[in-house]
C-alpha atoms as a PDB file:
ATOM      1  CA  MET A   1     112.814 126.458  80.049  1.00  0.00           C
ATOM      2  CA  ILE A   2     112.290 124.598  82.989  1.00  0.00           C
ATOM      3  CA  ILE A   3     108.916 126.547  83.598  1.00  0.00           C
ATOM      4  CA  LYS A   4     108.125 125.641  80.117  1.00  0.00           C
ATOM      5  CA  ILE A   5     108.906 121.470  80.865  1.00  0.00           C
ATOM      6  CA  LEU A   6     107.349 121.723  84.047  1.00  0.00           C
ATOM      7  CA  SER A   7     104.165 123.207  82.699  1.00  0.00           C
ATOM      8  CA  TYR A   8     104.161 120.512  80.213  1.00  0.00           C
ATOM      9  CA  PHE A   9     104.075 117.947  82.562  1.00  0.00           C
ATOM     10  CA  GLU A  10     101.530 119.772  84.879  1.00  0.00           C
ATOM     11  CA  LYS A  11      99.000 119.275  81.715  1.00  0.00           C
ATOM     12  CA  LYS A  12      99.972 116.193  80.128  1.00  0.00           C
ATOM     13  CA  ALA A  13      99.379 114.232  83.570  1.00  0.00           C
ATOM     14  CA  PHE A  14      96.775 112.157  84.686  1.00  0.00           C
ATOM     15  CA  GLY A  15      95.612 114.770  86.697  1.00  0.00           C
ATOM     16  CA  VAL A  16      95.041 112.307  89.939  1.00  0.00           C
ATOM     17  CA  CYS A  17      96.837 114.433  92.479  1.00  0.00           C
ATOM     18  CA  SER A  18      94.950 117.344  91.479  1.00  0.00           C
ATOM     19  CA  TRP A  19      91.653 115.371  91.545  1.00  0.00           C
ATOM     20  CA  TRP A  20      92.156 114.325  94.988  1.00  0.00           C
ATOM     21  CA  GLY A  21      93.570 118.111  95.750  1.00  0.00           C
ATOM     22  CA  ASP A  22      89.729 119.248  94.535  1.00  0.00           C
ATOM     23  CA  LYS A  23      88.136 116.253  96.507  1.00  0.00           C
ATOM     24  CA  LEU A  24      90.222 117.013  99.640  1.00  0.00           C
ATOM     25  CA  GLN A  25      90.477 120.513  99.081  1.00  0.00           C
ATOM     26  CA  LEU A  26      93.924 120.599  99.821  1.00  0.00           C
ATOM     27  CA  LYS A  27      96.732 121.815  97.339  1.00  0.00           C
ATOM     28  CA  SER A  28      97.294 119.155  94.845  1.00  0.00           C
ATOM     29  CA  SER A  29     101.651 120.257  95.269  1.00  0.00           C
ATOM     30  CA  ARG A  30     101.010 118.711  98.829  1.00  0.00           C
ATOM     31  CA  ILE A  31      99.826 115.646  97.477  1.00  0.00           C
ATOM     32  CA  ARG A  32     102.066 115.006  95.097  1.00  0.00           C
ATOM     33  CA  MET A  33     104.969 115.274  97.814  1.00  0.00           C
ATOM     34  CA  SER A  34     103.558 113.284 100.161  1.00  0.00           C
ATOM     35  CA  PHE A  35     103.167 110.996  97.049  1.00  0.00           C
ATOM     36  CA  ILE A  36     106.797 111.172  96.276  1.00  0.00           C
ATOM     37  CA  TYR A  37     107.755 110.711  99.687  1.00  0.00           C
ATOM     38  CA  LEU A  38     105.504 107.654 100.303  1.00  0.00           C
ATOM     39  CA  SER A  39     106.557 106.221  96.751  1.00  0.00           C
ATOM     40  CA  PHE A  40     110.826 106.440  98.368  1.00  0.00           C
ATOM     41  CA  LEU A  41     109.328 105.126 101.417  1.00  0.00           C
ATOM     42  CA  THR A  42     107.649 102.287 100.447  1.00  0.00           C
ATOM     43  CA  PHE A  43     109.989 101.123  97.573  1.00  0.00           C
ATOM     44  CA  GLY A  44     108.258 102.318  94.628  1.00  0.00           C
ATOM     45  CA  SER A  45     104.236 100.635  95.261  1.00  0.00           C
ATOM     46  CA  PRO A  46     102.367 103.876  95.701  1.00  0.00           C
ATOM     47  CA  ILE A  47     102.971 103.816  91.548  1.00  0.00           C
ATOM     48  CA  PHE A  48     100.923 101.071  91.136  1.00  0.00           C
ATOM     49  CA  ILE A  49      97.988 102.741  93.348  1.00  0.00           C
ATOM     50  CA  TYR A  50      98.469 105.423  91.229  1.00  0.00           C
ATOM     51  CA  LEU A  51      98.376 104.078  87.717  1.00  0.00           C
ATOM     52  CA  ILE A  52      95.489 102.374  88.959  1.00  0.00           C
ATOM     53  CA  MET A  53      93.849 105.496  89.740  1.00  0.00           C
ATOM     54  CA  ALA A  54      94.598 107.679  86.668  1.00  0.00           C
ATOM     55  CA  PHE A  55      93.189 104.478  84.724  1.00  0.00           C
ATOM     56  CA  ILE A  56      90.391 104.952  86.663  1.00  0.00           C
ATOM     57  CA  ILE A  57      90.187 108.941  86.160  1.00  0.00           C
ATOM     58  CA  GLU A  58      90.506 108.460  82.871  1.00  0.00           C
ATOM     59  CA  HIS A  59      88.042 106.106  81.925  1.00  0.00           C
ATOM     60  CA  LYS A  60      85.176 107.241  84.428  1.00  0.00           C
ATOM     61  CA  ASP A  61      82.293 108.179  81.612  1.00  0.00           C
ATOM     62  CA  TYR A  62      82.795 104.440  81.142  1.00  0.00           C
ATOM     63  CA  LEU A  63      82.492 102.808  84.178  1.00  0.00           C
ATOM     64  CA  LYS A  64      80.077 104.770  85.412  1.00  0.00           C
ATOM     65  CA  LEU A  65      76.466 102.487  85.884  1.00  0.00           C
ATOM     66  CA  LYS A  66      74.130 104.577  83.870  1.00  0.00           C
ATOM     67  CA  LYS A  67      70.839 104.901  85.712  1.00  0.00           C
ATOM     68  CA  ARG A  68      67.682 104.285  84.127  1.00  0.00           C
ATOM     69  CA  LYS A  69      64.375 106.385  84.464  1.00  0.00           C
ATOM     70  CA  SER A  70      62.068 103.903  84.355  1.00  0.00           C
ATOM     71  CA  VAL A  71      61.840 100.311  84.723  1.00  0.00           C
ATOM     72  CA  TRP A  72      61.427 100.142  80.935  1.00  0.00           C
ATOM     73  CA  ASP A  73      64.655 101.752  79.911  1.00  0.00           C
ATOM     74  CA  ILE A  74      66.876  98.846  78.692  1.00  0.00           C
END
C-alpha cells in the first residue's frame, strides 16, 4: 500500500527534483532531502521557488524562443 502511494507521487509530481538530478548528475532523492531540510530551515520559502520551477518546467515548450531559419521567416 505504501509503495503504491510513493509510486503515485513519484509519477504525478512535477519532476523538478528529478530534472535537477539529471542536470547535475545527482540522485533525485538527495535533492529532495536537501529541499526538505532547506524548507524546514527557512520556514518554507523554497516551496515558492519549487512551484515557480515546476511552472517553468511544465511550460518550457511555450516559453522557448523559436529560432528562425532565415531573416524572412516571421
